[in-house]
Amino acid sequence: MSGRKFWCMMVTGDPAHPIVLLLVAALVALSSGCSRDASQDVGRNPYFVRGLSLREAGKYEEAAQAFSRCLRMSPESAKTHLQLATLYEDHLADPLSAVYHYRTYSRLAGSDAVAGTGAWLRACERELLAELRQLHPEDRQVAEGTPVADPRPSALSPTERERNFIRMIKRLNGELAALRAQRVEGLAAAVTGTAEENETTSAAGTATSDSAQPEEAATVVVRSYTVKQGDTLSAISAAVYGSTRYWGQLAEWNKDALRNGDILQPGMVLEVPPLPELMPEEAQ
């Protein structure tokens, strides 16, 4: 039957057609069903029927989902609320949900509520209260008049974790200081060894001239240092002169060798003059 013919038939009101009879019967059933309590008709709801079957099969999570879907269609169904309340209390360990559905069931059922509902509700409330006390023991202490300790650590008393961090930092600082001392000692030894070699060579080469011309000033000995991996001008200055502040003068002295600023390359040979030669103004 075409849609146009169907609606024409509905407008003309042909009572003899079987489709019209079925539609009229459905409308009558719906109107009569609206006048009855929703909890009386919930047994026809497929989700309610499915929830009962799943509960009997021991599938309590799925049963609760089915009853919840039933409530979407029939939110005033007292029977469905009772089913959910007992499920949450007996099988799903959810006293909060059980309390909600027990209270809703009592409100909807009124005088027709199942005997013992009040006792079940109070039992769930006591269970819920016990769980809340376990989660928040400080609230229970306040209620009983027991002073509650401040959970925040005092600024004057560090926690054990903070003390461990302090000990670890001190240990690392000590190791770093030892490594720096070893590094400076190594640089000083390297510079001293190179200087001794240069002094020996210079003394052998100038012995004759020194004896022939004693009135001339002694030759200035300029030591050399071979750069190693990780060396810096500051470290070399500290090892040779006892301070890092001469690194700039050391760089200026070796400006011909330092073509890339103060960047050092392993194997590079630097001149390390005596401090009076490096800083003549300080010698005066």
Protein backbone atom coordinates (compact mmCIF):
# COMPACT_ATOMS: atom_id res chain seq x y z
CA MET A 1 0.00 0.00 0.00
CA SER A 2 1.36 3.41 -0.92
CA GLY A 3 1.85 6.12 1.67
CA ARG A 4 -0.66 8.43 0.02
CA LYS A 5 -3.35 5.71 0.00
CA PHE A 6 -2.61 4.88 3.65
CA TRP A 7 -3.03 8.45 4.88
CA CYS A 8 -6.14 8.91 2.78
CA MET A 9 -7.58 5.85 4.40
CA MET A 10 -6.69 7.22 7.87
CA VAL A 11 -8.37 10.53 7.08
CA THR A 12 -11.53 8.94 5.73
CA GLY A 13 -11.54 6.64 8.74
CA ASP A 14 -12.31 3.31 7.10
CA PRO A 15 -13.05 1.22 10.22
CA ALA A 16 -13.23 -2.04 8.32
CA HIS A 17 -9.57 -2.09 7.31
CA PRO A 18 -7.44 -4.35 9.58
CA ILE A 19 -4.55 -1.82 9.76
CA VAL A 20 -6.92 0.80 11.15
CA LEU A 21 -8.12 -1.67 13.75
CA LEU A 22 -4.58 -2.49 14.83
CA LEU A 23 -3.63 1.17 15.16
CA VAL A 24 -6.75 1.95 17.18
CA ALA A 25 -6.02 -0.98 19.51
CA ALA A 26 -2.43 0.19 20.01
CA LEU A 27 -3.56 3.72 20.83
CA VAL A 28 -6.08 2.43 23.34
CA ALA A 29 -3.42 0.24 24.98
CA LEU A 30 -1.04 3.12 25.25
CA SER A 31 -3.60 5.46 26.73
CA SER A 32 -4.67 2.89 29.30
CA GLY A 33 -1.06 2.05 30.11
CA CYS A 34 -0.26 5.69 30.86
CA SER A 35 -2.93 5.74 33.54
CA ARG A 36 -1.41 2.78 35.40
CA ASP A 37 1.71 2.81 37.57
CA ALA A 38 4.85 2.33 35.49
CA SER A 39 6.13 -0.25 37.94
CA GLN A 40 3.11 -2.48 37.19
CA ASP A 41 3.97 -2.64 33.46
CA VAL A 42 7.76 -2.90 33.81
CA GLY A 43 7.57 -6.68 33.55
CA ARG A 44 6.92 -6.22 29.83
CA ASN A 45 10.04 -4.13 29.37
CA PRO A 46 12.63 -6.23 27.48
CA TYR A 47 15.50 -4.70 29.48
CA PHE A 48 13.81 -5.62 32.76
CA VAL A 49 13.25 -9.19 31.56
CA ARG A 50 16.86 -9.39 30.37
CA GLY A 51 18.09 -8.04 33.71
CA LEU A 52 16.22 -10.78 35.60
CA SER A 53 17.71 -13.46 33.34
CA LEU A 54 21.24 -12.12 33.72
CA ARG A 55 20.84 -11.92 37.49
CA GLU A 56 19.74 -15.54 37.67
CA ALA A 57 22.77 -16.45 35.53
CA GLY A 58 25.11 -14.70 37.96
CA LYS A 59 26.08 -11.95 35.50
CA TYR A 60 25.49 -9.11 37.94
CA GLU A 61 27.35 -6.34 36.09
CA GLU A 62 25.40 -6.99 32.89
CA ALA A 63 22.17 -7.27 34.87
CA ALA A 64 22.75 -3.84 36.42
CA GLN A 65 23.34 -2.38 32.96
CA ALA A 66 20.08 -3.90 31.70
CA PHE A 67 18.08 -2.54 34.66
CA SER A 68 19.67 0.90 34.17
CA ARG A 69 18.51 0.91 30.54
CA CYS A 70 15.07 -0.06 31.75
CA LEU A 71 15.04 3.02 34.00
CA ARG A 72 15.76 5.22 30.99
CA MET A 73 12.45 4.07 29.55
CA SER A 74 10.59 3.86 32.88
CA PRO A 75 12.34 6.13 35.41
CA GLU A 76 9.46 5.77 37.89
CA SER A 77 9.64 1.97 38.02
CA ALA A 78 9.87 1.07 41.71
CA LYS A 79 10.55 -2.59 40.92
CA THR A 80 13.59 -1.71 38.80
CA HIS A 81 15.01 0.49 41.56
CA LEU A 82 14.58 -2.36 44.03
CA GLN A 83 16.39 -4.78 41.71
CA LEU A 84 19.30 -2.35 41.33
CA ALA A 85 19.45 -1.65 45.07
CA THR A 86 19.76 -5.33 45.97
CA LEU A 87 22.27 -5.91 43.18
CA TYR A 88 24.53 -3.08 44.35
CA GLU A 89 24.25 -4.19 47.98
CA ASP A 90 24.62 -7.97 47.64
CA HIS A 91 26.84 -8.46 44.59
CA LEU A 92 28.52 -5.27 43.35
CA ALA A 93 29.80 -3.82 46.66
CA ASP A 94 28.51 -0.33 45.88
CA PRO A 95 26.70 0.91 49.02
CA LEU A 96 26.34 4.45 47.66
CA SER A 97 24.31 3.30 44.64
CA ALA A 98 22.38 0.88 46.83
CA VAL A 99 21.38 3.71 49.20
CA TYR A 100 20.18 5.83 46.27
CA HIS A 101 18.03 3.09 44.74
CA TYR A 102 16.62 1.96 48.13
CA ARG A 103 15.54 5.53 48.87
CA THR A 104 14.03 5.98 45.41
CA TYR A 105 12.21 2.65 45.72
CA SER A 106 10.76 3.63 49.13
CA ARG A 107 9.58 6.96 47.74
CA LEU A 108 7.93 5.41 44.67
CA ALA A 109 6.45 2.34 46.38
CA GLY A 110 5.13 4.21 49.40
CA SER A 111 2.95 1.97 51.51
CA ASP A 112 3.41 -0.91 49.06
CA ALA A 113 7.16 -1.10 49.77
CA VAL A 114 8.55 -4.52 50.61
CA ALA A 115 8.82 -5.14 54.34
CA GLY A 116 12.37 -4.74 55.56
CA THR A 117 13.34 -2.08 53.03
CA GLY A 118 14.09 0.39 55.82
CA ALA A 119 16.44 -2.07 57.51
CA TRP A 120 18.22 -2.77 54.23
CA LEU A 121 18.62 0.96 53.64
CA ARG A 122 20.08 1.55 57.11
CA ALA A 123 22.53 -1.33 56.63
CA CYS A 124 23.77 0.16 53.37
CA GLU A 125 24.11 3.58 54.99
CA ARG A 126 26.21 2.11 57.80
CA GLU A 127 28.43 0.31 55.27
CA LEU A 128 28.84 3.53 53.28
CA LEU A 129 29.75 5.45 56.44
CA ALA A 130 32.38 2.84 57.34
CA GLU A 131 33.96 3.17 53.90
CA LEU A 132 34.03 6.96 54.15
CA ARG A 133 35.72 6.76 57.55
CA GLN A 134 38.41 4.50 56.12
CA LEU A 135 39.00 6.90 53.23
CA HIS A 136 39.04 10.01 55.46
CA PRO A 137 40.25 9.06 58.95
CA GLU A 138 41.04 12.70 59.76
CA ASP A 139 37.33 13.58 59.57
CA ARG A 140 36.58 10.83 62.10
CA GLN A 141 39.23 12.19 64.46
CA VAL A 142 37.72 15.66 64.24
CA ALA A 143 34.27 14.27 64.94
CA GLU A 144 35.55 12.39 68.01
CA GLY A 145 37.50 15.38 69.30
CA THR A 146 40.96 13.90 68.62
CA PRO A 147 43.55 16.44 67.43
CA VAL A 148 44.59 15.84 63.85
CA ALA A 149 48.25 16.06 62.94
CA ASP A 150 49.11 18.41 60.12
CA PRO A 151 49.91 16.17 57.08
CA ARG A 152 52.16 18.87 55.62
CA PRO A 153 55.84 18.50 56.57
CA SER A 154 57.26 21.25 58.75
CA ALA A 155 59.64 23.68 57.12
CA LEU A 156 62.07 23.17 60.01
CA SER A 157 62.08 19.38 59.87
CA PRO A 158 62.89 17.98 56.40
CA THR A 159 61.43 14.68 55.35
CA GLU A 160 63.53 11.56 54.94
CA ARG A 161 63.47 12.00 51.17
CA GLU A 162 64.78 15.55 51.50
CA ARG A 163 67.54 14.39 53.85
CA ASN A 164 68.57 11.76 51.31
CA PHE A 165 68.75 14.43 48.62
CA ILE A 166 70.89 16.64 50.86
CA ARG A 167 73.30 13.79 51.56
CA MET A 168 73.52 12.93 47.87
CA ILE A 169 74.21 16.59 46.93
CA LYS A 170 76.98 16.83 49.53
CA ARG A 171 78.56 13.62 48.26
CA LEU A 172 78.43 14.82 44.63
CA ASN A 173 79.91 18.18 45.60
CA GLY A 174 82.80 16.42 47.33
CA GLU A 175 83.46 14.23 44.31
CA LEU A 176 83.33 17.29 42.02
CA ALA A 177 85.82 19.16 44.19
CA ALA A 178 88.18 16.16 44.16
CA LEU A 179 87.99 15.92 40.38
CA ARG A 180 88.71 19.62 40.02
CA ALA A 181 91.74 19.30 42.31
CA GLN A 182 93.04 16.35 40.30
CA ARG A 183 92.53 18.30 37.09
CA VAL A 184 94.46 21.32 38.38
CA GLU A 185 97.27 19.11 39.68
CA GLY A 186 97.52 17.39 36.31
CA LEU A 187 97.69 20.70 34.48
CA ALA A 188 100.31 22.05 36.87
CA ALA A 189 102.43 18.93 36.51
CA ALA A 190 102.19 19.10 32.72
CA VAL A 191 103.18 22.76 32.66
CA THR A 192 106.03 22.20 35.13
CA GLY A 193 107.42 19.30 33.12
CA THR A 194 107.34 21.30 29.91
CA ALA A 195 108.96 24.27 31.64
CA GLU A 196 111.78 22.14 33.00
CA GLU A 197 112.53 20.81 29.53
CA ASN A 198 112.53 24.33 28.08
CA GLU A 199 114.74 25.63 30.87
CA THR A 200 117.27 22.83 30.35
CA THR A 201 117.44 23.51 26.63
CA SER A 202 117.68 27.25 27.15
CA ALA A 203 120.40 26.89 29.79
CA ALA A 204 122.49 24.65 27.53
CA GLY A 205 122.13 27.01 24.57
CA THR A 206 122.95 30.21 26.45
CA ALA A 207 125.72 29.03 28.78
CA THR A 208 128.45 30.47 26.56
CA SER A 209 126.75 33.81 26.02
CA ASP A 210 126.01 34.16 29.73
CA SER A 211 129.68 33.61 30.61
CA ALA A 212 130.88 35.97 27.90
CA GLN A 213 128.42 38.76 28.73
CA PRO A 214 127.61 38.60 32.46
CA GLU A 215 126.38 42.20 32.46
CA GLU A 216 123.33 41.32 30.28
CA ALA A 217 120.01 40.47 31.90
CA ALA A 218 119.02 36.80 32.20
CA THR A 219 117.00 35.40 29.33
CA VAL A 220 113.24 35.24 30.02
CA VAL A 221 112.09 31.62 30.05
CA VAL A 222 108.76 31.17 28.28
CA ARG A 223 107.21 27.83 29.01
CA SER A 224 104.93 25.97 26.66
CA TYR A 225 101.93 23.76 27.26
CA THR A 226 100.33 21.19 24.98
CA VAL A 227 96.53 21.35 25.11
CA LYS A 228 94.69 18.15 26.08
CA GLN A 229 91.08 17.10 25.67
CA GLY A 230 88.80 19.17 27.93
CA ASP A 231 91.33 21.94 28.69
CA THR A 232 90.20 25.57 28.96
CA LEU A 233 92.14 28.81 29.26
CA SER A 234 90.65 29.34 32.72
CA ALA A 235 91.86 25.93 33.91
CA ILE A 236 95.37 26.49 32.50
CA SER A 237 95.50 29.95 34.13
CA ALA A 238 94.44 28.49 37.48
CA ALA A 239 97.07 25.72 37.23
CA VAL A 240 99.95 28.03 36.25
CA TYR A 241 99.17 31.31 38.00
CA GLY A 242 96.90 30.15 40.80
CA SER A 243 93.91 32.10 39.50
CA THR A 244 91.53 31.91 36.56
CA ARG A 245 91.48 35.69 36.03
CA TYR A 246 94.54 35.65 33.76
CA TRP A 247 92.88 33.63 31.02
CA GLY A 248 92.25 36.75 28.93
CA GLN A 249 95.90 37.81 29.05
CA LEU A 250 96.91 34.25 28.26
CA ALA A 251 94.64 34.32 25.23
CA GLU A 252 96.10 37.66 24.12
CA TRP A 253 99.64 36.29 24.49
CA ASN A 254 98.74 33.34 22.25
CA LYS A 255 96.54 35.22 19.80
CA ASP A 256 98.61 33.93 16.87
CA ALA A 257 97.89 30.34 17.87
CA LEU A 258 94.23 30.97 18.82
CA ARG A 259 92.74 31.69 15.42
CA ASN A 260 89.22 30.76 16.53
CA GLY A 261 88.98 32.97 19.58
CA ASP A 262 89.47 31.10 22.86
CA ILE A 263 88.58 27.67 21.42
CA LEU A 264 91.25 25.11 22.27
CA GLN A 265 91.99 22.00 20.25
CA PRO A 266 93.85 18.96 21.62
CA GLY A 267 97.51 19.05 20.52
CA MET A 268 97.66 22.83 20.29
CA VAL A 269 100.84 24.29 21.87
CA LEU A 270 100.42 27.44 23.94
CA GLU A 271 103.09 29.72 25.38
CA VAL A 272 102.87 30.17 29.16
CA PRO A 273 105.09 33.13 30.12
CA PRO A 274 105.95 34.09 33.69
CA LEU A 275 103.37 36.29 35.35
CA PRO A 276 105.59 39.44 35.34
CA GLU A 277 105.87 39.12 31.58
CA LEU A 278 102.18 38.40 31.22
CA MET A 279 101.13 41.22 33.56
CA PRO A 280 104.01 43.72 33.67
CA GLU A 281 101.83 46.31 35.37
CA GLU A 282 101.33 44.00 38.36
CA ALA A 283 105.07 43.28 38.58
CA GLN A 284 105.67 47.00 39.00
